[in-house]
Amino acid sequence: MSEITYEIVEHDGGWAYKVGGVFSEPYPSHAAALKAAKAAAAEQRVPGHTEEIQYEDEKGKWHTETASGSDRPNTTIKDKN
C-alpha cells in the first residue's frame, strides 16, 4: 500500500500543505492549512469503484489492469508545530 504525506509548511506569504514537492494553495493561517490537509488526507482514504485501466508503456505496448477501488493509500500529516 502506498503512503502519502501531507506536510504543513510556510509558503507564499502564508501556509500551505505540500505533497511530493507540490504545494497546495496558500492559506492565511497555519490552522487553515492544517484543516485543509486533514480534509485532503481523509478524502484520499475514501474507497472508490473497482475499474479497469489501460495504459501504453514506453515501448508502445498496451496493458490492461484492474484497479481496486478499495486500494487506497495510507495518509499522514507532518507538522513541525
PDB file of N, CA and C in Angstrom:
ATOM      1  N   MET A   1       0.843  -1.170   0.000  1.00  0.00           N
ATOM      2  CA  MET A   1       0.000   0.000   0.000  1.00  0.00           C
ATOM      3  C   MET A   1       0.891   1.236   0.000  1.00  0.00           C
ATOM      4  N   SER A   2       0.493   2.225  -0.740  1.00  0.00           N
ATOM      5  CA  SER A   2       1.304   3.436  -0.831  1.00  0.00           C
ATOM      6  C   SER A   2       1.049   4.360   0.362  1.00  0.00           C
ATOM      7  N   GLU A   3       1.957   5.270   0.544  1.00  0.00           N
ATOM      8  CA  GLU A   3       1.905   6.220   1.655  1.00  0.00           C
ATOM      9  C   GLU A   3       1.970   7.636   1.097  1.00  0.00           C
ATOM     10  N   ILE A   4       1.063   8.487   1.528  1.00  0.00           N
ATOM     11  CA  ILE A   4       1.065   9.895   1.108  1.00  0.00           C
ATOM     12  C   ILE A   4       1.201  10.749   2.355  1.00  0.00           C
ATOM     13  N   THR A   5       2.182  11.661   2.347  1.00  0.00           N
ATOM     14  CA  THR A   5       2.407  12.543   3.483  1.00  0.00           C
ATOM     15  C   THR A   5       2.076  13.977   3.090  1.00  0.00           C
ATOM     16  N   TYR A   6       1.256  14.596   3.894  1.00  0.00           N
ATOM     17  CA  TYR A   6       0.882  15.999   3.740  1.00  0.00           C
ATOM     18  C   TYR A   6       1.704  16.779   4.761  1.00  0.00           C
ATOM     19  N   GLU A   7       2.603  17.635   4.288  1.00  0.00           N
ATOM     20  CA  GLU A   7       3.483  18.382   5.170  1.00  0.00           C
ATOM     21  C   GLU A   7       3.027  19.842   5.230  1.00  0.00           C
ATOM     22  N   ILE A   8       2.829  20.357   6.439  1.00  0.00           N
ATOM     23  CA  ILE A   8       2.419  21.744   6.629  1.00  0.00           C
ATOM     24  C   ILE A   8       3.670  22.616   6.599  1.00  0.00           C
ATOM     25  N   VAL A   9       3.676  23.626   5.709  1.00  0.00           N
ATOM     26  CA  VAL A   9       4.859  24.475   5.523  1.00  0.00           C
ATOM     27  C   VAL A   9       4.441  25.928   5.300  1.00  0.00           C
ATOM     28  N   GLU A  10       5.379  26.841   5.599  1.00  0.00           N
ATOM     29  CA  GLU A  10       5.169  28.244   5.235  1.00  0.00           C
ATOM     30  C   GLU A  10       5.384  28.356   3.736  1.00  0.00           C
ATOM     31  N   HIS A  11       4.490  29.103   3.062  1.00  0.00           N
ATOM     32  CA  HIS A  11       4.585  29.187   1.603  1.00  0.00           C
ATOM     33  C   HIS A  11       3.851  30.418   1.092  1.00  0.00           C
ATOM     34  N   ASP A  12       4.484  31.172   0.215  1.00  0.00           N
ATOM     35  CA  ASP A  12       3.856  32.291  -0.484  1.00  0.00           C
ATOM     36  C   ASP A  12       3.230  33.318   0.458  1.00  0.00           C
ATOM     37  N   GLY A  13       3.911  33.614   1.549  1.00  0.00           N
ATOM     38  CA  GLY A  13       3.418  34.608   2.490  1.00  0.00           C
ATOM     39  C   GLY A  13       2.335  34.092   3.419  1.00  0.00           C
ATOM     40  N   GLY A  14       2.106  32.792   3.408  1.00  0.00           N
ATOM     41  CA  GLY A  14       1.098  32.195   4.282  1.00  0.00           C
ATOM     42  C   GLY A  14       1.512  30.785   4.631  1.00  0.00           C
ATOM     43  N   TRP A  15       0.550  29.897   4.659  1.00  0.00           N
ATOM     44  CA  TRP A  15       0.788  28.496   4.977  1.00  0.00           C
ATOM     45  C   TRP A  15       0.164  27.620   3.897  1.00  0.00           C
ATOM     46  N   ALA A  16       0.729  26.440   3.722  1.00  0.00           N
ATOM     47  CA  ALA A  16       0.217  25.506   2.716  1.00  0.00           C
ATOM     48  C   ALA A  16       0.528  24.096   3.184  1.00  0.00           C
ATOM     49  N   TYR A  17      -0.010  23.130   2.475  1.00  0.00           N
ATOM     50  CA  TYR A  17       0.463  21.760   2.667  1.00  0.00           C
ATOM     51  C   TYR A  17       1.161  21.346   1.389  1.00  0.00           C
ATOM     52  N   LYS A  18       2.132  20.467   1.549  1.00  0.00           N
ATOM     53  CA  LYS A  18       2.949  20.023   0.421  1.00  0.00           C
ATOM     54  C   LYS A  18       2.867  18.511   0.341  1.00  0.00           C
ATOM     55  N   VAL A  19       2.672  17.996  -0.866  1.00  0.00           N
ATOM     56  CA  VAL A  19       2.629  16.559  -1.110  1.00  0.00           C
ATOM     57  C   VAL A  19       3.571  16.262  -2.268  1.00  0.00           C
ATOM     58  N   GLY A  20       4.606  15.488  -1.997  1.00  0.00           N
ATOM     59  CA  GLY A  20       5.536  15.109  -3.056  1.00  0.00           C
ATOM     60  C   GLY A  20       6.141  16.291  -3.792  1.00  0.00           C
ATOM     61  N   GLY A  21       6.443  17.361  -3.089  1.00  0.00           N
ATOM     62  CA  GLY A  21       7.054  18.526  -3.712  1.00  0.00           C
ATOM     63  C   GLY A  21       6.079  19.498  -4.343  1.00  0.00           C
ATOM     64  N   VAL A  22       4.788  19.208  -4.286  1.00  0.00           N
ATOM     65  CA  VAL A  22       3.766  20.077  -4.866  1.00  0.00           C
ATOM     66  C   VAL A  22       3.016  20.777  -3.734  1.00  0.00           C
ATOM     67  N   PHE A  23       2.900  22.107  -3.847  1.00  0.00           N
ATOM     68  CA  PHE A  23       2.244  22.900  -2.812  1.00  0.00           C
ATOM     69  C   PHE A  23       0.756  23.074  -3.104  1.00  0.00           C
ATOM     70  N   SER A  24      -0.015  23.127  -2.035  1.00  0.00           N
ATOM     71  CA  SER A  24      -1.426  23.494  -2.157  1.00  0.00           C
ATOM     72  C   SER A  24      -1.503  25.002  -2.368  1.00  0.00           C
ATOM     73  N   GLU A  25      -2.696  25.491  -2.481  1.00  0.00           N
ATOM     74  CA  GLU A  25      -2.878  26.939  -2.481  1.00  0.00           C
ATOM     75  C   GLU A  25      -2.451  27.462  -1.113  1.00  0.00           C
ATOM     76  N   PRO A  26      -2.066  28.733  -1.028  1.00  0.00           N
ATOM     77  CA  PRO A  26      -1.692  29.277   0.279  1.00  0.00           C
ATOM     78  C   PRO A  26      -2.938  29.556   1.134  1.00  0.00           C
ATOM     79  N   TYR A  27      -2.782  29.357   2.430  1.00  0.00           N
ATOM     80  CA  TYR A  27      -3.832  29.644   3.399  1.00  0.00           C
ATOM     81  C   TYR A  27      -3.333  30.741   4.332  1.00  0.00           C
ATOM     82  N   PRO A  28      -4.234  31.549   4.874  1.00  0.00           N
ATOM     83  CA  PRO A  28      -3.805  32.681   5.690  1.00  0.00           C
ATOM     84  C   PRO A  28      -3.227  32.294   7.051  1.00  0.00           C
ATOM     85  N   SER A  29      -3.507  31.079   7.523  1.00  0.00           N
ATOM     86  CA  SER A  29      -3.002  30.684   8.835  1.00  0.00           C
ATOM     87  C   SER A  29      -2.558  29.226   8.822  1.00  0.00           C
ATOM     88  N   HIS A  30      -1.754  28.912   9.803  1.00  0.00           N
ATOM     89  CA  HIS A  30      -1.312  27.533   9.988  1.00  0.00           C
ATOM     90  C   HIS A  30      -2.523  26.622  10.216  1.00  0.00           C
ATOM     91  N   ALA A  31      -3.452  27.080  11.040  1.00  0.00           N
ATOM     92  CA  ALA A  31      -4.640  26.283  11.360  1.00  0.00           C
ATOM     93  C   ALA A  31      -5.465  25.977  10.109  1.00  0.00           C
ATOM     94  N   ALA A  32      -5.595  26.953   9.226  1.00  0.00           N
ATOM     95  CA  ALA A  32      -6.368  26.744   7.992  1.00  0.00           C
ATOM     96  C   ALA A  32      -5.681  25.733   7.077  1.00  0.00           C
ATOM     97  N   ALA A  33      -4.353  25.806   6.968  1.00  0.00           N
ATOM     98  CA  ALA A  33      -3.607  24.847   6.137  1.00  0.00           C
ATOM     99  C   ALA A  33      -3.700  23.446   6.732  1.00  0.00           C
ATOM    100  N   LEU A  34      -3.628  23.341   8.049  1.00  0.00           N
ATOM    101  CA  LEU A  34      -3.736  22.042   8.710  1.00  0.00           C
ATOM    102  C   LEU A  34      -5.124  21.442   8.496  1.00  0.00           C
ATOM    103  N   LYS A  35      -6.149  22.257   8.614  1.00  0.00           N
ATOM    104  CA  LYS A  35      -7.519  21.790   8.390  1.00  0.00           C
ATOM    105  C   LYS A  35      -7.693  21.278   6.961  1.00  0.00           C
ATOM    106  N   ALA A  36      -7.148  22.023   5.984  1.00  0.00           N
ATOM    107  CA  ALA A  36      -7.246  21.626   4.576  1.00  0.00           C
ATOM    108  C   ALA A  36      -6.467  20.329   4.318  1.00  0.00           C
ATOM    109  N   ALA A  37      -5.304  20.197   4.933  1.00  0.00           N
ATOM    110  CA  ALA A  37      -4.503  18.982   4.758  1.00  0.00           C
ATOM    111  C   ALA A  37      -5.225  17.769   5.345  1.00  0.00           C
ATOM    112  N   LYS A  38      -5.851  17.946   6.502  1.00  0.00           N
ATOM    113  CA  LYS A  38      -6.595  16.848   7.116  1.00  0.00           C
ATOM    114  C   LYS A  38      -7.771  16.426   6.231  1.00  0.00           C
ATOM    115  N   ALA A  39      -8.449  17.399   5.642  1.00  0.00           N
ATOM    116  CA  ALA A  39      -9.577  17.090   4.750  1.00  0.00           C
ATOM    117  C   ALA A  39      -9.090  16.354   3.504  1.00  0.00           C
ATOM    118  N   ALA A  40      -7.997  16.821   2.910  1.00  0.00           N
ATOM    119  CA  ALA A  40      -7.453  16.173   1.707  1.00  0.00           C
ATOM    120  C   ALA A  40      -6.971  14.758   2.025  1.00  0.00           C
ATOM    121  N   ALA A  41      -6.318  14.585   3.166  1.00  0.00           N
ATOM    122  CA  ALA A  41      -5.819  13.266   3.562  1.00  0.00           C
ATOM    123  C   ALA A  41      -6.974  12.293   3.779  1.00  0.00           C
ATOM    124  N   ALA A  42      -8.037  12.775   4.411  1.00  0.00           N
ATOM    125  CA  ALA A  42      -9.207  11.918   4.642  1.00  0.00           C
ATOM    126  C   ALA A  42      -9.862  11.523   3.328  1.00  0.00           C
ATOM    127  N   GLU A  43      -9.933  12.457   2.386  1.00  0.00           N
ATOM    128  CA  GLU A  43     -10.539  12.173   1.078  1.00  0.00           C
ATOM    129  C   GLU A  43      -9.747  11.115   0.312  1.00  0.00           C
ATOM    130  N   GLN A  44      -8.431  11.127   0.465  1.00  0.00           N
ATOM    131  CA  GLN A  44      -7.586  10.127  -0.212  1.00  0.00           C
ATOM    132  C   GLN A  44      -7.895   8.709   0.245  1.00  0.00           C
ATOM    133  N   ARG A  45      -8.372   8.562   1.482  1.00  0.00           N
ATOM    134  CA  ARG A  45      -8.631   7.231   2.040  1.00  0.00           C
ATOM    135  C   ARG A  45     -10.011   6.680   1.694  1.00  0.00           C
ATOM    136  N   VAL A  46     -10.867   7.487   1.089  1.00  0.00           N
ATOM    137  CA  VAL A  46     -12.227   7.050   0.770  1.00  0.00           C
ATOM    138  C   VAL A  46     -12.191   6.050  -0.386  1.00  0.00           C
ATOM    139  N   PRO A  47     -12.797   4.877  -0.194  1.00  0.00           N
ATOM    140  CA  PRO A  47     -12.809   3.887  -1.274  1.00  0.00           C
ATOM    141  C   PRO A  47     -13.588   4.384  -2.490  1.00  0.00           C
ATOM    142  N   GLY A  48     -13.191   3.911  -3.631  1.00  0.00           N
ATOM    143  CA  GLY A  48     -13.874   4.260  -4.873  1.00  0.00           C
ATOM    144  C   GLY A  48     -14.457   3.014  -5.508  1.00  0.00           C
ATOM    145  N   HIS A  49     -14.550   3.013  -6.811  1.00  0.00           N
ATOM    146  CA  HIS A  49     -15.082   1.879  -7.563  1.00  0.00           C
ATOM    147  C   HIS A  49     -13.924   1.111  -8.196  1.00  0.00           C
ATOM    148  N   THR A  50     -14.055  -0.199  -8.260  1.00  0.00           N
ATOM    149  CA  THR A  50     -13.074  -1.005  -8.980  1.00  0.00           C
ATOM    150  C   THR A  50     -13.263  -0.747 -10.472  1.00  0.00           C
ATOM    151  N   GLU A  51     -12.171  -0.415 -11.143  1.00  0.00           N
ATOM    152  CA  GLU A  51     -12.242  -0.071 -12.564  1.00  0.00           C
ATOM    153  C   GLU A  51     -11.098  -0.710 -13.327  1.00  0.00           C
ATOM    154  N   GLU A  52     -11.332  -0.926 -14.596  1.00  0.00           N
ATOM    155  CA  GLU A  52     -10.301  -1.419 -15.487  1.00  0.00           C
ATOM    156  C   GLU A  52      -9.580  -0.206 -16.076  1.00  0.00           C
ATOM    157  N   ILE A  53      -8.259  -0.243 -16.039  1.00  0.00           N
ATOM    158  CA  ILE A  53      -7.479   0.854 -16.624  1.00  0.00           C
ATOM    159  C   ILE A  53      -6.593   0.302 -17.733  1.00  0.00           C
ATOM    160  N   GLN A  54      -6.363   1.126 -18.736  1.00  0.00           N
ATOM    161  CA  GLN A  54      -5.489   0.759 -19.844  1.00  0.00           C
ATOM    162  C   GLN A  54      -4.437   1.844 -19.988  1.00  0.00           C
ATOM    163  N   TYR A  55      -3.227   1.420 -20.278  1.00  0.00           N
ATOM    164  CA  TYR A  55      -2.153   2.383 -20.499  1.00  0.00           C
ATOM    165  C   TYR A  55      -1.130   1.810 -21.465  1.00  0.00           C
ATOM    166  N   GLU A  56      -0.395   2.710 -22.090  1.00  0.00           N
ATOM    167  CA  GLU A  56       0.642   2.337 -23.043  1.00  0.00           C
ATOM    168  C   GLU A  56       1.991   2.573 -22.381  1.00  0.00           C
ATOM    169  N   ASP A  57       2.876   1.582 -22.417  1.00  0.00           N
ATOM    170  CA  ASP A  57       4.190   1.749 -21.811  1.00  0.00           C
ATOM    171  C   ASP A  57       5.144   2.461 -22.776  1.00  0.00           C
ATOM    172  N   GLU A  58       6.373   2.672 -22.304  1.00  0.00           N
ATOM    173  CA  GLU A  58       7.355   3.413 -23.103  1.00  0.00           C
ATOM    174  C   GLU A  58       7.755   2.702 -24.388  1.00  0.00           C
ATOM    175  N   LYS A  59       7.469   1.403 -24.498  1.00  0.00           N
ATOM    176  CA  LYS A  59       7.788   0.636 -25.709  1.00  0.00           C
ATOM    177  C   LYS A  59       6.596   0.533 -26.660  1.00  0.00           C
ATOM    178  N   GLY A  60       5.496   1.201 -26.316  1.00  0.00           N
ATOM    179  CA  GLY A  60       4.331   1.202 -27.188  1.00  0.00           C
ATOM    180  C   GLY A  60       3.382   0.032 -26.973  1.00  0.00           C
ATOM    181  N   LYS A  61       3.635  -0.770 -25.952  1.00  0.00           N
ATOM    182  CA  LYS A  61       2.767  -1.918 -25.669  1.00  0.00           C
ATOM    183  C   LYS A  61       1.636  -1.489 -24.729  1.00  0.00           C
ATOM    184  N   TRP A  62       0.415  -1.921 -25.061  1.00  0.00           N
ATOM    185  CA  TRP A  62      -0.747  -1.585 -24.244  1.00  0.00           C
ATOM    186  C   TRP A  62      -0.953  -2.637 -23.162  1.00  0.00           C
ATOM    187  N   HIS A  63      -1.347  -2.173 -21.987  1.00  0.00           N
ATOM    188  CA  HIS A  63      -1.602  -3.035 -20.844  1.00  0.00           C
ATOM    189  C   HIS A  63      -2.998  -2.749 -20.304  1.00  0.00           C
ATOM    190  N   THR A  64      -3.626  -3.774 -19.772  1.00  0.00           N
ATOM    191  CA  THR A  64      -4.925  -3.633 -19.109  1.00  0.00           C
ATOM    192  C   THR A  64      -4.787  -4.195 -17.704  1.00  0.00           C
ATOM    193  N   GLU A  65      -5.201  -3.409 -16.721  1.00  0.00           N
ATOM    194  CA  GLU A  65      -5.140  -3.831 -15.327  1.00  0.00           C
ATOM    195  C   GLU A  65      -6.453  -3.473 -14.645  1.00  0.00           C
ATOM    196  N   THR A  66      -6.710  -4.140 -13.560  1.00  0.00           N
ATOM    197  CA  THR A  66      -7.873  -3.818 -12.742  1.00  0.00           C
ATOM    198  C   THR A  66      -7.381  -3.058 -11.517  1.00  0.00           C
ATOM    199  N   ALA A  67      -7.927  -1.881 -11.312  1.00  0.00           N
ATOM    200  CA  ALA A  67      -7.586  -1.052 -10.156  1.00  0.00           C
ATOM    201  C   ALA A  67      -8.704  -1.197  -9.132  1.00  0.00           C
ATOM    202  N   SER A  68      -8.366  -1.773  -8.003  1.00  0.00           N
ATOM    203  CA  SER A  68      -9.352  -1.994  -6.947  1.00  0.00           C
ATOM    204  C   SER A  68      -9.743  -0.674  -6.302  1.00  0.00           C
ATOM    205  N   GLY A  69     -11.017  -0.442  -6.169  1.00  0.00           N
ATOM    206  CA  GLY A  69     -11.498   0.770  -5.526  1.00  0.00           C
ATOM    207  C   GLY A  69     -11.189   0.817  -4.044  1.00  0.00           C
ATOM    208  N   SER A  70     -10.837  -0.340  -3.474  1.00  0.00           N
ATOM    209  CA  SER A  70     -10.512  -0.372  -2.048  1.00  0.00           C
ATOM    210  C   SER A  70      -9.018  -0.225  -1.785  1.00  0.00           C
ATOM    211  N   ASP A  71      -8.211  -0.118  -2.834  1.00  0.00           N
ATOM    212  CA  ASP A  71      -6.762   0.010  -2.705  1.00  0.00           C
ATOM    213  C   ASP A  71      -6.404   1.482  -2.515  1.00  0.00           C
ATOM    214  N   ARG A  72      -6.600   1.976  -1.314  1.00  0.00           N
ATOM    215  CA  ARG A  72      -6.370   3.383  -1.018  1.00  0.00           C
ATOM    216  C   ARG A  72      -5.075   3.547  -0.240  1.00  0.00           C
ATOM    217  N   PRO A  73      -4.425   4.683  -0.375  1.00  0.00           N
ATOM    218  CA  PRO A  73      -3.149   4.896   0.320  1.00  0.00           C
ATOM    219  C   PRO A  73      -3.342   5.197   1.805  1.00  0.00           C
ATOM    220  N   ASN A  74      -2.283   4.961   2.556  1.00  0.00           N
ATOM    221  CA  ASN A  74      -2.219   5.459   3.922  1.00  0.00           C
ATOM    222  C   ASN A  74      -1.837   6.930   3.835  1.00  0.00           C
ATOM    223  N   THR A  75      -2.406   7.747   4.685  1.00  0.00           N
ATOM    224  CA  THR A  75      -2.070   9.171   4.669  1.00  0.00           C
ATOM    225  C   THR A  75      -1.633   9.609   6.056  1.00  0.00           C
ATOM    226  N   THR A  76      -0.654  10.518   6.077  1.00  0.00           N
ATOM    227  CA  THR A  76      -0.183  11.089   7.338  1.00  0.00           C
ATOM    228  C   THR A  76      -0.010  12.586   7.173  1.00  0.00           C
ATOM    229  N   ILE A  77      -0.041  13.278   8.298  1.00  0.00           N
ATOM    230  CA  ILE A  77       0.198  14.715   8.331  1.00  0.00           C
ATOM    231  C   ILE A  77       1.514  14.947   9.062  1.00  0.00           C
ATOM    232  N   LYS A  78       2.418  15.696   8.441  1.00  0.00           N
ATOM    233  CA  LYS A  78       3.679  16.060   9.060  1.00  0.00           C
ATOM    234  C   LYS A  78       3.619  17.554   9.380  1.00  0.00           C
ATOM    235  N   ASP A  79       3.739  17.873  10.643  1.00  0.00           N
ATOM    236  CA  ASP A  79       3.600  19.258  11.082  1.00  0.00           C
ATOM    237  C   ASP A  79       4.596  19.521  12.201  1.00  0.00           C
ATOM    238  N   LYS A  80       5.509  20.429  11.974  1.00  0.00           N
ATOM    239  CA  LYS A  80       6.529  20.739  12.980  1.00  0.00           C
ATOM    240  C   LYS A  80       5.952  21.515  14.156  1.00  0.00           C
ATOM    241  N   ASN A  81       4.799  22.146  13.968  1.00  0.00           N
ATOM    242  CA  ASN A  81       4.200  22.921  15.067  1.00  0.00           C
ATOM    243  C   ASN A  81       3.517  21.975  15.996  1.00  0.00           C
TER     244      ASN A  81
END
